[in-house]
């Protein structure tokens, strides 16, 4: 069963075992949580974008390909390894300086690069 709460959308009934008091308590806890400000959200987005852009540059340089050719590699690698996009990008940028890359990411990137080369 679904409960509709004004301003909060729909919430599964299981979240509220029975009473209106539990709904009110949940709403007050949710309202009390600190929320990131728009500025903080924008700063995080800019940092993520910069790291992803750097990772694209690392792969393009190592694979001797254009940025356009490697554009989809990082999001696809993130999706198939089930690792957040920003984390994959950070690991790739670190790989550029350390020479070490996690095996699952390395294997997925290698597989995807080979597929591009063989096209």
N, C-alpha and C. Protein backbone atom coordinates (compact mmCIF):
# COMPACT_ATOMS: atom_id res chain seq x y z
N UNK A 1 0.84 -1.17 0.00
CA UNK A 1 0.00 0.00 0.00
C UNK A 1 0.89 1.24 0.00
N UNK A 2 0.43 2.29 -0.64
CA UNK A 2 1.20 3.52 -0.77
C UNK A 2 0.51 4.63 0.02
N UNK A 3 1.30 5.41 0.73
CA UNK A 3 0.80 6.57 1.45
C UNK A 3 1.24 7.81 0.71
N UNK A 4 0.33 8.75 0.51
CA UNK A 4 0.68 10.00 -0.15
C UNK A 4 0.80 11.08 0.91
N UNK A 5 1.95 11.74 0.93
CA UNK A 5 2.18 12.80 1.90
C UNK A 5 2.43 14.09 1.13
N UNK A 6 1.68 15.11 1.43
CA UNK A 6 1.81 16.39 0.71
C UNK A 6 3.25 16.89 0.79
N UNK A 7 3.81 17.20 -0.36
CA UNK A 7 5.16 17.74 -0.42
C UNK A 7 6.25 16.68 -0.40
N UNK A 8 5.92 15.46 -0.06
CA UNK A 8 6.92 14.40 0.00
C UNK A 8 6.67 13.29 -0.99
N UNK A 9 5.56 13.36 -1.70
CA UNK A 9 5.28 12.33 -2.70
C UNK A 9 4.69 11.09 -2.07
N UNK A 10 4.89 9.97 -2.72
CA UNK A 10 4.34 8.71 -2.23
C UNK A 10 5.41 7.95 -1.48
N UNK A 11 4.99 7.32 -0.41
CA UNK A 11 5.90 6.58 0.44
C UNK A 11 5.25 5.23 0.73
N UNK A 12 6.01 4.12 0.62
CA UNK A 12 5.42 2.82 0.91
C UNK A 12 4.86 2.77 2.33
N UNK A 13 3.73 2.13 2.50
CA UNK A 13 3.07 2.01 3.81
C UNK A 13 4.00 1.34 4.82
N UNK A 14 4.87 0.46 4.34
CA UNK A 14 5.77 -0.28 5.24
C UNK A 14 6.67 0.67 6.03
N UNK A 15 6.92 1.84 5.51
CA UNK A 15 7.75 2.81 6.21
C UNK A 15 7.03 3.27 7.47
N UNK A 16 5.71 3.26 7.45
CA UNK A 16 4.91 3.75 8.55
C UNK A 16 4.06 2.62 9.12
N UNK A 17 4.59 1.88 10.06
CA UNK A 17 3.82 0.75 10.58
C UNK A 17 2.65 1.20 11.45
N UNK A 18 1.59 1.66 10.81
CA UNK A 18 0.34 1.85 11.51
C UNK A 18 -0.16 3.22 11.87
N UNK A 19 0.57 4.01 12.58
CA UNK A 19 -0.03 5.22 13.14
C UNK A 19 0.38 6.49 12.42
N UNK A 20 -0.47 7.50 12.60
CA UNK A 20 -0.14 8.82 12.06
C UNK A 20 1.08 9.40 12.77
N UNK A 21 1.26 9.00 14.03
CA UNK A 21 2.40 9.50 14.80
C UNK A 21 3.72 9.10 14.14
N UNK A 22 3.79 7.87 13.60
CA UNK A 22 5.03 7.44 12.95
C UNK A 22 5.27 8.23 11.66
N UNK A 23 4.19 8.61 10.97
CA UNK A 23 4.33 9.44 9.77
C UNK A 23 4.88 10.80 10.15
N UNK A 24 4.33 11.39 11.20
CA UNK A 24 4.79 12.71 11.65
C UNK A 24 6.24 12.65 12.09
N UNK A 25 6.63 11.58 12.78
CA UNK A 25 8.02 11.44 13.23
C UNK A 25 8.95 11.31 12.04
N UNK A 26 8.54 10.52 11.05
CA UNK A 26 9.37 10.36 9.85
C UNK A 26 9.54 11.69 9.14
N UNK A 27 8.42 12.44 9.00
CA UNK A 27 8.48 13.73 8.32
C UNK A 27 9.39 14.71 9.07
N UNK A 28 9.32 14.73 10.39
CA UNK A 28 10.16 15.66 11.14
C UNK A 28 11.63 15.27 11.05
N UNK A 29 11.92 13.96 11.05
CA UNK A 29 13.32 13.51 10.88
C UNK A 29 13.83 13.90 9.51
N UNK A 30 12.99 13.72 8.50
CA UNK A 30 13.40 14.06 7.14
C UNK A 30 13.64 15.56 7.00
N UNK A 31 12.77 16.36 7.58
CA UNK A 31 12.92 17.82 7.51
C UNK A 31 14.16 18.29 8.28
N UNK A 32 14.54 17.57 9.32
CA UNK A 32 15.68 17.97 10.14
C UNK A 32 17.03 17.62 9.52
N UNK A 33 17.02 16.71 8.53
CA UNK A 33 18.29 16.33 7.90
C UNK A 33 18.93 17.52 7.23
N UNK A 34 20.24 17.65 7.37
CA UNK A 34 20.90 18.74 6.65
C UNK A 34 20.85 18.49 5.15
N UNK A 35 20.54 19.51 4.40
CA UNK A 35 20.49 19.39 2.95
C UNK A 35 21.63 20.20 2.35
N UNK A 36 22.27 19.64 1.35
CA UNK A 36 23.33 20.40 0.72
C UNK A 36 22.76 21.65 0.04
N UNK A 37 23.49 22.72 0.15
CA UNK A 37 23.05 23.95 -0.49
C UNK A 37 23.26 23.84 -1.99
N UNK A 38 22.62 24.72 -2.73
CA UNK A 38 22.81 24.73 -4.18
C UNK A 38 24.27 24.95 -4.53
N UNK A 39 24.94 25.81 -3.79
CA UNK A 39 26.35 26.10 -4.05
C UNK A 39 27.18 24.83 -3.86
N UNK A 40 26.93 24.10 -2.78
CA UNK A 40 27.67 22.86 -2.53
C UNK A 40 27.40 21.83 -3.63
N UNK A 41 26.14 21.74 -4.07
CA UNK A 41 25.81 20.81 -5.14
C UNK A 41 26.51 21.19 -6.44
N UNK A 42 26.56 22.48 -6.74
CA UNK A 42 27.24 22.93 -7.96
C UNK A 42 28.74 22.69 -7.88
N UNK A 43 29.33 22.91 -6.70
CA UNK A 43 30.77 22.67 -6.53
C UNK A 43 31.08 21.19 -6.76
N UNK A 44 30.25 20.31 -6.22
CA UNK A 44 30.45 18.87 -6.41
C UNK A 44 30.32 18.51 -7.88
N UNK A 45 29.34 19.08 -8.55
CA UNK A 45 29.13 18.79 -9.98
C UNK A 45 30.33 19.25 -10.81
N UNK A 46 30.85 20.43 -10.51
CA UNK A 46 32.00 20.95 -11.25
C UNK A 46 33.23 20.07 -11.03
N UNK A 47 33.44 19.64 -9.77
CA UNK A 47 34.58 18.76 -9.47
C UNK A 47 34.44 17.43 -10.20
N UNK A 48 33.23 16.86 -10.18
CA UNK A 48 33.00 15.59 -10.87
C UNK A 48 33.25 15.73 -12.36
N UNK A 49 32.74 16.81 -12.94
CA UNK A 49 32.92 17.03 -14.37
C UNK A 49 34.40 17.17 -14.71
N UNK A 50 35.14 17.88 -13.87
CA UNK A 50 36.57 18.07 -14.11
C UNK A 50 37.32 16.74 -14.05
N UNK A 51 36.99 15.91 -13.09
CA UNK A 51 37.67 14.62 -12.94
C UNK A 51 37.34 13.72 -14.13
N UNK A 52 36.09 13.72 -14.56
CA UNK A 52 35.69 12.90 -15.71
C UNK A 52 36.41 13.38 -16.96
N UNK A 53 36.51 14.69 -17.12
CA UNK A 53 37.20 15.27 -18.27
C UNK A 53 38.69 14.88 -18.25
N UNK A 54 39.30 14.91 -17.08
CA UNK A 54 40.71 14.50 -16.96
C UNK A 54 40.87 13.03 -17.30
N UNK A 55 39.96 12.19 -16.85
CA UNK A 55 40.03 10.76 -17.13
C UNK A 55 39.91 10.49 -18.63
N UNK A 56 39.03 11.22 -19.29
CA UNK A 56 38.90 11.08 -20.74
C UNK A 56 40.23 11.44 -21.40
N UNK A 57 40.87 12.50 -20.91
CA UNK A 57 42.17 12.90 -21.45
C UNK A 57 43.23 11.85 -21.24
N UNK A 58 43.24 11.20 -20.07
CA UNK A 58 44.22 10.14 -19.79
C UNK A 58 44.04 8.98 -20.77
N UNK A 59 42.81 8.53 -20.93
CA UNK A 59 42.55 7.40 -21.82
C UNK A 59 42.87 7.79 -23.27
N UNK A 60 42.50 8.99 -23.67
CA UNK A 60 42.77 9.44 -25.04
C UNK A 60 44.27 9.46 -25.30
N UNK A 61 45.05 9.91 -24.32
CA UNK A 61 46.51 9.97 -24.49
C UNK A 61 47.12 8.58 -24.53
N UNK A 62 46.70 7.72 -23.63
CA UNK A 62 47.26 6.37 -23.56
C UNK A 62 46.87 5.55 -24.79
N UNK A 63 45.62 5.66 -25.21
CA UNK A 63 45.13 4.86 -26.33
C UNK A 63 45.42 5.52 -27.68
N UNK A 64 45.93 6.75 -27.65
CA UNK A 64 46.20 7.53 -28.87
C UNK A 64 44.96 7.63 -29.75
N UNK A 65 43.90 8.07 -29.09
CA UNK A 65 42.62 8.24 -29.76
C UNK A 65 42.12 9.66 -29.48
N UNK A 66 41.11 10.06 -30.20
CA UNK A 66 40.53 11.37 -29.95
C UNK A 66 39.60 11.30 -28.74
N UNK A 67 39.34 12.46 -28.18
CA UNK A 67 38.41 12.52 -27.04
C UNK A 67 37.03 12.03 -27.45
N UNK A 68 36.64 12.33 -28.67
CA UNK A 68 35.33 11.90 -29.16
C UNK A 68 35.24 10.37 -29.21
N UNK A 69 36.35 9.72 -29.56
CA UNK A 69 36.35 8.26 -29.65
C UNK A 69 36.22 7.61 -28.28
N UNK A 70 36.75 8.24 -27.24
CA UNK A 70 36.71 7.63 -25.91
C UNK A 70 35.62 8.21 -25.01
N UNK A 71 34.80 9.10 -25.56
CA UNK A 71 33.79 9.81 -24.78
C UNK A 71 32.90 8.88 -23.96
N UNK A 72 32.43 7.79 -24.53
CA UNK A 72 31.48 6.90 -23.85
C UNK A 72 32.15 5.82 -22.99
N UNK A 73 33.45 5.69 -23.08
CA UNK A 73 34.13 4.60 -22.37
C UNK A 73 33.96 4.66 -20.85
N UNK A 74 34.11 5.82 -20.28
CA UNK A 74 34.07 5.92 -18.82
C UNK A 74 32.66 5.65 -18.28
N UNK A 75 31.61 6.28 -18.84
CA UNK A 75 30.27 5.95 -18.34
C UNK A 75 29.90 4.47 -18.54
N UNK A 76 30.30 3.89 -19.66
CA UNK A 76 30.01 2.47 -19.90
C UNK A 76 30.78 1.59 -18.93
N UNK A 77 32.03 1.94 -18.68
CA UNK A 77 32.84 1.17 -17.72
C UNK A 77 32.22 1.27 -16.33
N UNK A 78 31.77 2.45 -15.97
CA UNK A 78 31.12 2.64 -14.68
C UNK A 78 29.87 1.76 -14.58
N UNK A 79 29.08 1.76 -15.63
CA UNK A 79 27.84 0.99 -15.63
C UNK A 79 28.11 -0.52 -15.52
N UNK A 80 29.07 -1.01 -16.29
CA UNK A 80 29.31 -2.46 -16.33
C UNK A 80 30.10 -2.98 -15.14
N UNK A 81 30.83 -2.09 -14.44
CA UNK A 81 31.55 -2.53 -13.23
C UNK A 81 30.77 -2.20 -11.97
N UNK A 82 29.67 -1.47 -12.14
CA UNK A 82 28.82 -1.08 -11.02
C UNK A 82 29.59 -0.22 -10.00
N UNK A 83 30.41 0.68 -10.53
CA UNK A 83 31.18 1.62 -9.71
C UNK A 83 30.76 3.01 -10.15
N UNK A 84 30.55 3.89 -9.18
CA UNK A 84 30.12 5.26 -9.51
C UNK A 84 31.03 5.90 -10.54
N UNK A 85 30.43 6.68 -11.43
CA UNK A 85 31.16 7.32 -12.52
C UNK A 85 32.32 8.15 -12.01
N UNK A 86 32.09 8.97 -11.01
CA UNK A 86 33.16 9.81 -10.47
C UNK A 86 34.30 8.97 -9.92
N UNK A 87 33.97 7.86 -9.25
CA UNK A 87 35.01 6.99 -8.69
C UNK A 87 35.85 6.35 -9.78
N UNK A 88 35.19 5.90 -10.85
CA UNK A 88 35.93 5.32 -11.98
C UNK A 88 36.87 6.37 -12.56
N UNK A 89 36.35 7.59 -12.74
CA UNK A 89 37.18 8.67 -13.29
C UNK A 89 38.37 8.98 -12.39
N UNK A 90 38.15 9.02 -11.09
CA UNK A 90 39.25 9.29 -10.15
C UNK A 90 40.30 8.19 -10.21
N UNK A 91 39.87 6.94 -10.33
CA UNK A 91 40.83 5.83 -10.42
C UNK A 91 41.63 5.89 -11.72
N UNK A 92 40.99 6.30 -12.79
CA UNK A 92 41.69 6.42 -14.07
C UNK A 92 42.72 7.55 -14.02
N UNK A 93 42.35 8.67 -13.41
CA UNK A 93 43.29 9.79 -13.27
C UNK A 93 44.46 9.36 -12.40
N UNK A 94 44.20 8.65 -11.31
CA UNK A 94 45.28 8.15 -10.45
C UNK A 94 46.16 7.17 -11.21
N UNK A 95 45.56 6.37 -12.07
CA UNK A 95 46.31 5.42 -12.89
C UNK A 95 47.33 6.15 -13.76
N UNK A 96 46.96 7.33 -14.22
CA UNK A 96 47.86 8.13 -15.03
C UNK A 96 49.14 8.50 -14.31
N UNK A 97 49.09 8.60 -12.98
CA UNK A 97 50.28 8.96 -12.21
C UNK A 97 50.93 7.77 -11.52
N UNK A 98 50.13 6.78 -11.09
CA UNK A 98 50.68 5.65 -10.34
C UNK A 98 50.99 4.45 -11.22
N UNK A 99 50.30 4.33 -12.34
CA UNK A 99 50.47 3.16 -13.20
C UNK A 99 49.69 1.96 -12.73
N UNK A 100 48.89 2.13 -11.67
CA UNK A 100 48.12 1.02 -11.11
C UNK A 100 46.63 1.30 -11.28
N UNK A 101 45.91 0.30 -11.79
CA UNK A 101 44.47 0.43 -12.00
C UNK A 101 43.79 -0.86 -11.56
N UNK A 102 42.66 -0.74 -10.88
CA UNK A 102 41.92 -1.91 -10.41
C UNK A 102 41.64 -2.85 -11.57
N UNK A 103 41.75 -4.15 -11.31
CA UNK A 103 41.64 -5.16 -12.35
C UNK A 103 40.31 -5.10 -13.10
N UNK A 104 39.20 -4.94 -12.36
CA UNK A 104 37.90 -4.95 -13.04
C UNK A 104 37.74 -3.75 -13.97
N UNK A 105 38.24 -2.61 -13.56
CA UNK A 105 38.17 -1.42 -14.42
C UNK A 105 39.12 -1.58 -15.60
N UNK A 106 40.32 -2.08 -15.34
CA UNK A 106 41.30 -2.29 -16.41
C UNK A 106 40.76 -3.25 -17.46
N UNK A 107 40.16 -4.35 -17.04
CA UNK A 107 39.63 -5.34 -17.97
C UNK A 107 38.48 -4.77 -18.79
N UNK A 108 37.59 -4.03 -18.15
CA UNK A 108 36.45 -3.46 -18.87
C UNK A 108 36.91 -2.40 -19.87
N UNK A 109 37.84 -1.53 -19.45
CA UNK A 109 38.38 -0.53 -20.38
C UNK A 109 39.07 -1.20 -21.56
N UNK A 110 39.84 -2.22 -21.28
CA UNK A 110 40.55 -2.93 -22.33
C UNK A 110 39.57 -3.55 -23.33
N UNK A 111 38.53 -4.17 -22.79
CA UNK A 111 37.52 -4.79 -23.65
C UNK A 111 36.85 -3.75 -24.54
N UNK A 112 36.51 -2.62 -23.97
CA UNK A 112 35.82 -1.56 -24.72
C UNK A 112 36.76 -0.90 -25.73
N UNK A 113 38.01 -0.69 -25.37
CA UNK A 113 38.98 -0.11 -26.32
C UNK A 113 39.21 -1.04 -27.48
N UNK A 114 39.32 -2.33 -27.21
CA UNK A 114 39.51 -3.31 -28.30
C UNK A 114 38.32 -3.31 -29.24
N UNK A 115 37.14 -3.16 -28.69
CA UNK A 115 35.93 -3.13 -29.54
C UNK A 115 35.95 -1.90 -30.44
N UNK A 116 36.43 -0.77 -29.93
CA UNK A 116 36.51 0.44 -30.75
C UNK A 116 37.55 0.27 -31.85
N UNK A 117 38.69 -0.29 -31.49
CA UNK A 117 39.79 -0.47 -32.46
C UNK A 117 39.39 -1.43 -33.57
N UNK A 118 38.63 -2.47 -33.24
CA UNK A 118 38.26 -3.48 -34.22
C UNK A 118 37.10 -3.06 -35.11
N UNK A 119 36.46 -1.95 -34.82
CA UNK A 119 35.34 -1.50 -35.64
C UNK A 119 35.75 -1.15 -37.02
